[in-house]
Amino acid sequence: MHRLSEVAALVEFLLQNKHKTFRPKKRFPQGTLRYNLHKKAEATLHSGVDLRTAVRLPPNENLDDWIAVH
């Protein structure tokens, strides 16, 4: 029964805190290099580029050579 109460407590915790994360999002002070890198990475990830086509092996390319370069 002790295990069941732990599971029930965990489920209750998860349902209560739907909008919270276990680990808070990182915040970077504006104007810093880290902030600028974060914004560039975020913009790249949300740009709509299909990453599958970006990393696809080009035709007539040796897989080992392509992996070595990329």
PDB file of N, CA and C in Angstrom:
ATOM      1  N   MET A   1       0.812  -1.206   0.000  1.00  0.00           N
ATOM      2  CA  MET A   1       0.000   0.000   0.000  1.00  0.00           C
ATOM      3  C   MET A   1       0.855   1.269   0.000  1.00  0.00           C
ATOM      4  N   HIS A   2       2.036   1.183   0.615  1.00  0.00           N
ATOM      5  CA  HIS A   2       2.901   2.352   0.668  1.00  0.00           C
ATOM      6  C   HIS A   2       3.286   2.784  -0.748  1.00  0.00           C
ATOM      7  N   ARG A   3       3.583   1.831  -1.610  1.00  0.00           N
ATOM      8  CA  ARG A   3       3.959   2.123  -3.000  1.00  0.00           C
ATOM      9  C   ARG A   3       2.797   2.785  -3.749  1.00  0.00           C
ATOM     10  N   LEU A   4       1.592   2.327  -3.485  1.00  0.00           N
ATOM     11  CA  LEU A   4       0.414   2.888  -4.134  1.00  0.00           C
ATOM     12  C   LEU A   4       0.223   4.352  -3.749  1.00  0.00           C
ATOM     13  N   SER A   5       0.475   4.678  -2.497  1.00  0.00           N
ATOM     14  CA  SER A   5       0.316   6.072  -2.069  1.00  0.00           C
ATOM     15  C   SER A   5       1.375   6.969  -2.712  1.00  0.00           C
ATOM     16  N   GLU A   6       2.578   6.426  -2.940  1.00  0.00           N
ATOM     17  CA  GLU A   6       3.615   7.201  -3.620  1.00  0.00           C
ATOM     18  C   GLU A   6       3.211   7.490  -5.063  1.00  0.00           C
ATOM     19  N   VAL A   7       2.666   6.488  -5.721  1.00  0.00           N
ATOM     20  CA  VAL A   7       2.221   6.660  -7.101  1.00  0.00           C
ATOM     21  C   VAL A   7       1.072   7.661  -7.159  1.00  0.00           C
ATOM     22  N   ALA A   8       0.141   7.554  -6.224  1.00  0.00           N
ATOM     23  CA  ALA A   8      -0.989   8.484  -6.181  1.00  0.00           C
ATOM     24  C   ALA A   8      -0.498   9.912  -5.953  1.00  0.00           C
ATOM     25  N   ALA A   9       0.494  10.079  -5.087  1.00  0.00           N
ATOM     26  CA  ALA A   9       1.043  11.409  -4.825  1.00  0.00           C
ATOM     27  C   ALA A   9       1.727  11.968  -6.073  1.00  0.00           C
ATOM     28  N   LEU A  10       2.428  11.107  -6.798  1.00  0.00           N
ATOM     29  CA  LEU A  10       3.092  11.552  -8.021  1.00  0.00           C
ATOM     30  C   LEU A  10       2.073  11.972  -9.076  1.00  0.00           C
ATOM     31  N   VAL A  11       1.035  11.177  -9.250  1.00  0.00           N
ATOM     32  CA  VAL A  11      -0.012  11.503 -10.223  1.00  0.00           C
ATOM     33  C   VAL A  11      -0.680  12.822  -9.848  1.00  0.00           C
ATOM     34  N   GLU A  12      -0.967  13.007  -8.587  1.00  0.00           N
ATOM     35  CA  GLU A  12      -1.589  14.257  -8.133  1.00  0.00           C
ATOM     36  C   GLU A  12      -0.671  15.444  -8.421  1.00  0.00           C
ATOM     37  N   PHE A  13       0.626  15.268  -8.149  1.00  0.00           N
ATOM     38  CA  PHE A  13       1.594  16.328  -8.408  1.00  0.00           C
ATOM     39  C   PHE A  13       1.620  16.689  -9.893  1.00  0.00           C
ATOM     40  N   LEU A  14       1.651  15.665 -10.748  1.00  0.00           N
ATOM     41  CA  LEU A  14       1.714  15.910 -12.187  1.00  0.00           C
ATOM     42  C   LEU A  14       0.457  16.592 -12.704  1.00  0.00           C
ATOM     43  N   LEU A  15      -0.688  16.230 -12.180  1.00  0.00           N
ATOM     44  CA  LEU A  15      -1.938  16.827 -12.638  1.00  0.00           C
ATOM     45  C   LEU A  15      -2.115  18.250 -12.127  1.00  0.00           C
ATOM     46  N   GLN A  16      -1.603  18.538 -10.946  1.00  0.00           N
ATOM     47  CA  GLN A  16      -1.722  19.886 -10.385  1.00  0.00           C
ATOM     48  C   GLN A  16      -0.849  20.882 -11.132  1.00  0.00           C
ATOM     49  N   ASN A  17       0.322  20.448 -11.546  1.00  0.00           N
ATOM     50  CA  ASN A  17       1.319  21.357 -12.106  1.00  0.00           C
ATOM     51  C   ASN A  17       1.479  21.162 -13.608  1.00  0.00           C
ATOM     52  N   LYS A  18       0.388  21.217 -14.335  1.00  0.00           N
ATOM     53  CA  LYS A  18       0.435  20.978 -15.778  1.00  0.00           C
ATOM     54  C   LYS A  18       1.302  22.003 -16.506  1.00  0.00           C
ATOM     55  N   HIS A  19       1.300  23.226 -16.044  1.00  0.00           N
ATOM     56  CA  HIS A  19       1.985  24.287 -16.765  1.00  0.00           C
ATOM     57  C   HIS A  19       3.386  24.551 -16.227  1.00  0.00           C
ATOM     58  N   LYS A  20       3.819  23.779 -15.270  1.00  0.00           N
ATOM     59  CA  LYS A  20       5.157  23.941 -14.723  1.00  0.00           C
ATOM     60  C   LYS A  20       6.044  22.832 -15.260  1.00  0.00           C
ATOM     61  N   THR A  21       7.334  23.110 -15.324  1.00  0.00           N
ATOM     62  CA  THR A  21       8.282  22.093 -15.747  1.00  0.00           C
ATOM     63  C   THR A  21       9.062  21.626 -14.533  1.00  0.00           C
ATOM     64  N   PHE A  22       9.630  20.446 -14.647  1.00  0.00           N
ATOM     65  CA  PHE A  22      10.466  19.952 -13.565  1.00  0.00           C
ATOM     66  C   PHE A  22      11.728  20.792 -13.454  1.00  0.00           C
ATOM     67  N   ARG A  23      12.217  21.252 -14.590  1.00  0.00           N
ATOM     68  CA  ARG A  23      13.423  22.050 -14.616  1.00  0.00           C
ATOM     69  C   ARG A  23      13.073  23.388 -15.252  1.00  0.00           C
ATOM     70  N   PRO A  24      13.304  24.485 -14.559  1.00  0.00           N
ATOM     71  CA  PRO A  24      12.916  25.776 -15.128  1.00  0.00           C
ATOM     72  C   PRO A  24      13.710  26.095 -16.394  1.00  0.00           C
ATOM     73  N   LYS A  25      13.070  26.820 -17.298  1.00  0.00           N
ATOM     74  CA  LYS A  25      13.752  27.231 -18.520  1.00  0.00           C
ATOM     75  C   LYS A  25      14.878  28.189 -18.160  1.00  0.00           C
ATOM     76  N   LYS A  26      15.975  28.089 -18.897  1.00  0.00           N
ATOM     77  CA  LYS A  26      17.112  28.964 -18.635  1.00  0.00           C
ATOM     78  C   LYS A  26      16.820  30.359 -19.161  1.00  0.00           C
ATOM     79  N   ARG A  27      17.247  31.331 -18.436  1.00  0.00           N
ATOM     80  CA  ARG A  27      17.091  32.725 -18.841  1.00  0.00           C
ATOM     81  C   ARG A  27      18.493  33.331 -18.946  1.00  0.00           C
ATOM     82  N   PHE A  28      18.699  34.099 -19.997  1.00  0.00           N
ATOM     83  CA  PHE A  28      19.991  34.718 -20.217  1.00  0.00           C
ATOM     84  C   PHE A  28      19.811  36.229 -20.243  1.00  0.00           C
ATOM     85  N   PRO A  29      20.701  36.964 -19.590  1.00  0.00           N
ATOM     86  CA  PRO A  29      20.591  38.427 -19.603  1.00  0.00           C
ATOM     87  C   PRO A  29      20.758  38.976 -21.020  1.00  0.00           C
ATOM     88  N   GLN A  30      19.887  39.909 -21.396  1.00  0.00           N
ATOM     89  CA  GLN A  30      19.954  40.511 -22.732  1.00  0.00           C
ATOM     90  C   GLN A  30      21.284  41.217 -22.925  1.00  0.00           C
ATOM     91  N   GLY A  31      21.774  41.160 -24.162  1.00  0.00           N
ATOM     92  CA  GLY A  31      23.019  41.843 -24.486  1.00  0.00           C
ATOM     93  C   GLY A  31      24.256  40.987 -24.299  1.00  0.00           C
ATOM     94  N   THR A  32      24.116  39.794 -23.731  1.00  0.00           N
ATOM     95  CA  THR A  32      25.275  38.933 -23.536  1.00  0.00           C
ATOM     96  C   THR A  32      25.453  38.022 -24.742  1.00  0.00           C
ATOM     97  N   LEU A  33      26.642  37.494 -24.897  1.00  0.00           N
ATOM     98  CA  LEU A  33      26.920  36.567 -25.991  1.00  0.00           C
ATOM     99  C   LEU A  33      26.032  35.331 -25.875  1.00  0.00           C
ATOM    100  N   ARG A  34      25.857  34.845 -24.674  1.00  0.00           N
ATOM    101  CA  ARG A  34      25.024  33.661 -24.460  1.00  0.00           C
ATOM    102  C   ARG A  34      23.580  33.924 -24.897  1.00  0.00           C
ATOM    103  N   TYR A  35      23.071  35.101 -24.597  1.00  0.00           N
ATOM    104  CA  TYR A  35      21.713  35.465 -25.009  1.00  0.00           C
ATOM    105  C   TYR A  35      21.608  35.498 -26.532  1.00  0.00           C
ATOM    106  N   ASN A  36      22.596  36.106 -27.179  1.00  0.00           N
ATOM    107  CA  ASN A  36      22.579  36.197 -28.642  1.00  0.00           C
ATOM    108  C   ASN A  36      22.646  34.812 -29.281  1.00  0.00           C
ATOM    109  N   LEU A  37      23.496  33.940 -28.754  1.00  0.00           N
ATOM    110  CA  LEU A  37      23.583  32.577 -29.279  1.00  0.00           C
ATOM    111  C   LEU A  37      22.278  31.826 -29.065  1.00  0.00           C
ATOM    112  N   HIS A  38      21.670  32.030 -27.902  1.00  0.00           N
ATOM    113  CA  HIS A  38      20.394  31.381 -27.594  1.00  0.00           C
ATOM    114  C   HIS A  38      19.322  31.824 -28.589  1.00  0.00           C
ATOM    115  N   LYS A  39      19.248  33.109 -28.862  1.00  0.00           N
ATOM    116  CA  LYS A  39      18.248  33.627 -29.792  1.00  0.00           C
ATOM    117  C   LYS A  39      18.480  33.107 -31.212  1.00  0.00           C
ATOM    118  N   LYS A  40      19.744  33.034 -31.636  1.00  0.00           N
ATOM    119  CA  LYS A  40      20.036  32.507 -32.973  1.00  0.00           C
ATOM    120  C   LYS A  40      19.660  31.035 -33.071  1.00  0.00           C
ATOM    121  N   ALA A  41      19.978  30.269 -32.043  1.00  0.00           N
ATOM    122  CA  ALA A  41      19.633  28.844 -32.046  1.00  0.00           C
ATOM    123  C   ALA A  41      18.127  28.660 -32.039  1.00  0.00           C
ATOM    124  N   GLU A  42      17.440  29.458 -31.254  1.00  0.00           N
ATOM    125  CA  GLU A  42      15.978  29.375 -31.179  1.00  0.00           C
ATOM    126  C   GLU A  42      15.346  29.728 -32.530  1.00  0.00           C
ATOM    127  N   ALA A  43      15.855  30.756 -33.182  1.00  0.00           N
ATOM    128  CA  ALA A  43      15.326  31.158 -34.489  1.00  0.00           C
ATOM    129  C   ALA A  43      15.583  30.077 -35.535  1.00  0.00           C
ATOM    130  N   THR A  44      16.732  29.445 -35.463  1.00  0.00           N
ATOM    131  CA  THR A  44      17.058  28.379 -36.407  1.00  0.00           C
ATOM    132  C   THR A  44      16.137  27.190 -36.217  1.00  0.00           C
ATOM    133  N   LEU A  45      15.881  26.831 -34.976  1.00  0.00           N
ATOM    134  CA  LEU A  45      15.039  25.672 -34.699  1.00  0.00           C
ATOM    135  C   LEU A  45      13.589  25.915 -35.096  1.00  0.00           C
ATOM    136  N   HIS A  46      13.150  27.169 -35.052  1.00  0.00           N
ATOM    137  CA  HIS A  46      11.758  27.495 -35.367  1.00  0.00           C
ATOM    138  C   HIS A  46      11.599  28.094 -36.764  1.00  0.00           C
ATOM    139  N   SER A  47      12.601  27.920 -37.627  1.00  0.00           N
ATOM    140  CA  SER A  47      12.548  28.554 -38.946  1.00  0.00           C
ATOM    141  C   SER A  47      11.746  27.763 -39.965  1.00  0.00           C
ATOM    142  N   GLY A  48      11.360  26.545 -39.630  1.00  0.00           N
ATOM    143  CA  GLY A  48      10.575  25.733 -40.546  1.00  0.00           C
ATOM    144  C   GLY A  48      11.409  24.909 -41.509  1.00  0.00           C
ATOM    145  N   VAL A  49      12.717  24.887 -41.321  1.00  0.00           N
ATOM    146  CA  VAL A  49      13.592  24.093 -42.178  1.00  0.00           C
ATOM    147  C   VAL A  49      13.405  22.619 -41.835  1.00  0.00           C
ATOM    148  N   ASP A  50      13.285  21.800 -42.871  1.00  0.00           N
ATOM    149  CA  ASP A  50      13.154  20.360 -42.662  1.00  0.00           C
ATOM    150  C   ASP A  50      14.547  19.776 -42.453  1.00  0.00           C
ATOM    151  N   LEU A  51      14.858  19.384 -41.228  1.00  0.00           N
ATOM    152  CA  LEU A  51      16.192  18.888 -40.919  1.00  0.00           C
ATOM    153  C   LEU A  51      16.491  17.563 -41.606  1.00  0.00           C
ATOM    154  N   ARG A  52      15.467  16.782 -41.904  1.00  0.00           N
ATOM    155  CA  ARG A  52      15.699  15.508 -42.596  1.00  0.00           C
ATOM    156  C   ARG A  52      16.314  15.740 -43.978  1.00  0.00           C
ATOM    157  N   THR A  53      15.838  16.752 -44.679  1.00  0.00           N
ATOM    158  CA  THR A  53      16.411  17.021 -46.003  1.00  0.00           C
ATOM    159  C   THR A  53      17.762  17.717 -45.884  1.00  0.00           C
ATOM    160  N   ALA A  54      17.967  18.458 -44.824  1.00  0.00           N
ATOM    161  CA  ALA A  54      19.236  19.161 -44.644  1.00  0.00           C
ATOM    162  C   ALA A  54      20.392  18.199 -44.401  1.00  0.00           C
ATOM    163  N   VAL A  55      20.128  17.071 -43.788  1.00  0.00           N
ATOM    164  CA  VAL A  55      21.199  16.126 -43.471  1.00  0.00           C
ATOM    165  C   VAL A  55      21.151  14.869 -44.333  1.00  0.00           C
ATOM    166  N   ARG A  56      20.311  14.849 -45.344  1.00  0.00           N
ATOM    167  CA  ARG A  56      20.203  13.689 -46.236  1.00  0.00           C
ATOM    168  C   ARG A  56      21.466  13.561 -47.087  1.00  0.00           C
ATOM    169  N   LEU A  57      21.882  12.322 -47.300  1.00  0.00           N
ATOM    170  CA  LEU A  57      23.047  12.037 -48.131  1.00  0.00           C
ATOM    171  C   LEU A  57      22.749  12.436 -49.574  1.00  0.00           C
ATOM    172  N   PRO A  58      23.566  13.319 -50.156  1.00  0.00           N
ATOM    173  CA  PRO A  58      23.334  13.723 -51.546  1.00  0.00           C
ATOM    174  C   PRO A  58      23.536  12.542 -52.502  1.00  0.00           C
ATOM    175  N   PRO A  59      22.896  12.593 -53.667  1.00  0.00           N
ATOM    176  CA  PRO A  59      23.082  11.513 -54.640  1.00  0.00           C
ATOM    177  C   PRO A  59      24.543  11.434 -55.092  1.00  0.00           C
ATOM    178  N   ASN A  60      24.994  10.237 -55.396  1.00  0.00           N
ATOM    179  CA  ASN A  60      26.361   9.978 -55.874  1.00  0.00           C
ATOM    180  C   ASN A  60      27.429  10.394 -54.868  1.00  0.00           C
ATOM    181  N   GLU A  61      27.105  10.368 -53.585  1.00  0.00           N
ATOM    182  CA  GLU A  61      28.059  10.729 -52.530  1.00  0.00           C
ATOM    183  C   GLU A  61      28.353   9.483 -51.709  1.00  0.00           C
ATOM    184  N   ASN A  62      29.615   9.295 -51.357  1.00  0.00           N
ATOM    185  CA  ASN A  62      30.017   8.169 -50.525  1.00  0.00           C
ATOM    186  C   ASN A  62      29.610   8.462 -49.082  1.00  0.00           C
ATOM    187  N   LEU A  63      28.906   7.541 -48.457  1.00  0.00           N
ATOM    188  CA  LEU A  63      28.413   7.742 -47.092  1.00  0.00           C
ATOM    189  C   LEU A  63      29.552   8.001 -46.118  1.00  0.00           C
ATOM    190  N   ASP A  64      30.632   7.240 -46.209  1.00  0.00           N
ATOM    191  CA  ASP A  64      31.753   7.416 -45.281  1.00  0.00           C
ATOM    192  C   ASP A  64      32.399   8.794 -45.432  1.00  0.00           C
ATOM    193  N   ASP A  65      32.562   9.252 -46.663  1.00  0.00           N
ATOM    194  CA  ASP A  65      33.135  10.581 -46.890  1.00  0.00           C
ATOM    195  C   ASP A  65      32.219  11.674 -46.354  1.00  0.00           C
ATOM    196  N   TRP A  66      30.934  11.515 -46.599  1.00  0.00           N
ATOM    197  CA  TRP A  66      29.967  12.525 -46.157  1.00  0.00           C
ATOM    198  C   TRP A  66      29.936  12.612 -44.633  1.00  0.00           C
ATOM    199  N   ILE A  67      29.958  11.458 -43.969  1.00  0.00           N
ATOM    200  CA  ILE A  67      29.953  11.435 -42.499  1.00  0.00           C
ATOM    201  C   ILE A  67      31.233  12.058 -41.953  1.00  0.00           C
ATOM    202  N   ALA A  68      32.372  11.786 -42.589  1.00  0.00           N
ATOM    203  CA  ALA A  68      33.646  12.333 -42.120  1.00  0.00           C
ATOM    204  C   ALA A  68      33.660  13.860 -42.171  1.00  0.00           C
ATOM    205  N   VAL A  69      33.015  14.430 -43.174  1.00  0.00           N
ATOM    206  CA  VAL A  69      33.009  15.886 -43.325  1.00  0.00           C
ATOM    207  C   VAL A  69      31.950  16.540 -42.450  1.00  0.00           C
ATOM    208  N   HIS A  70      30.808  15.884 -42.307  1.00  0.00           N
ATOM    209  CA  HIS A  70      29.707  16.481 -41.573  1.00  0.00           C
ATOM    210  C   HIS A  70      29.630  15.887 -40.203  1.00  0.00           C
TER     211      HIS A  70
END
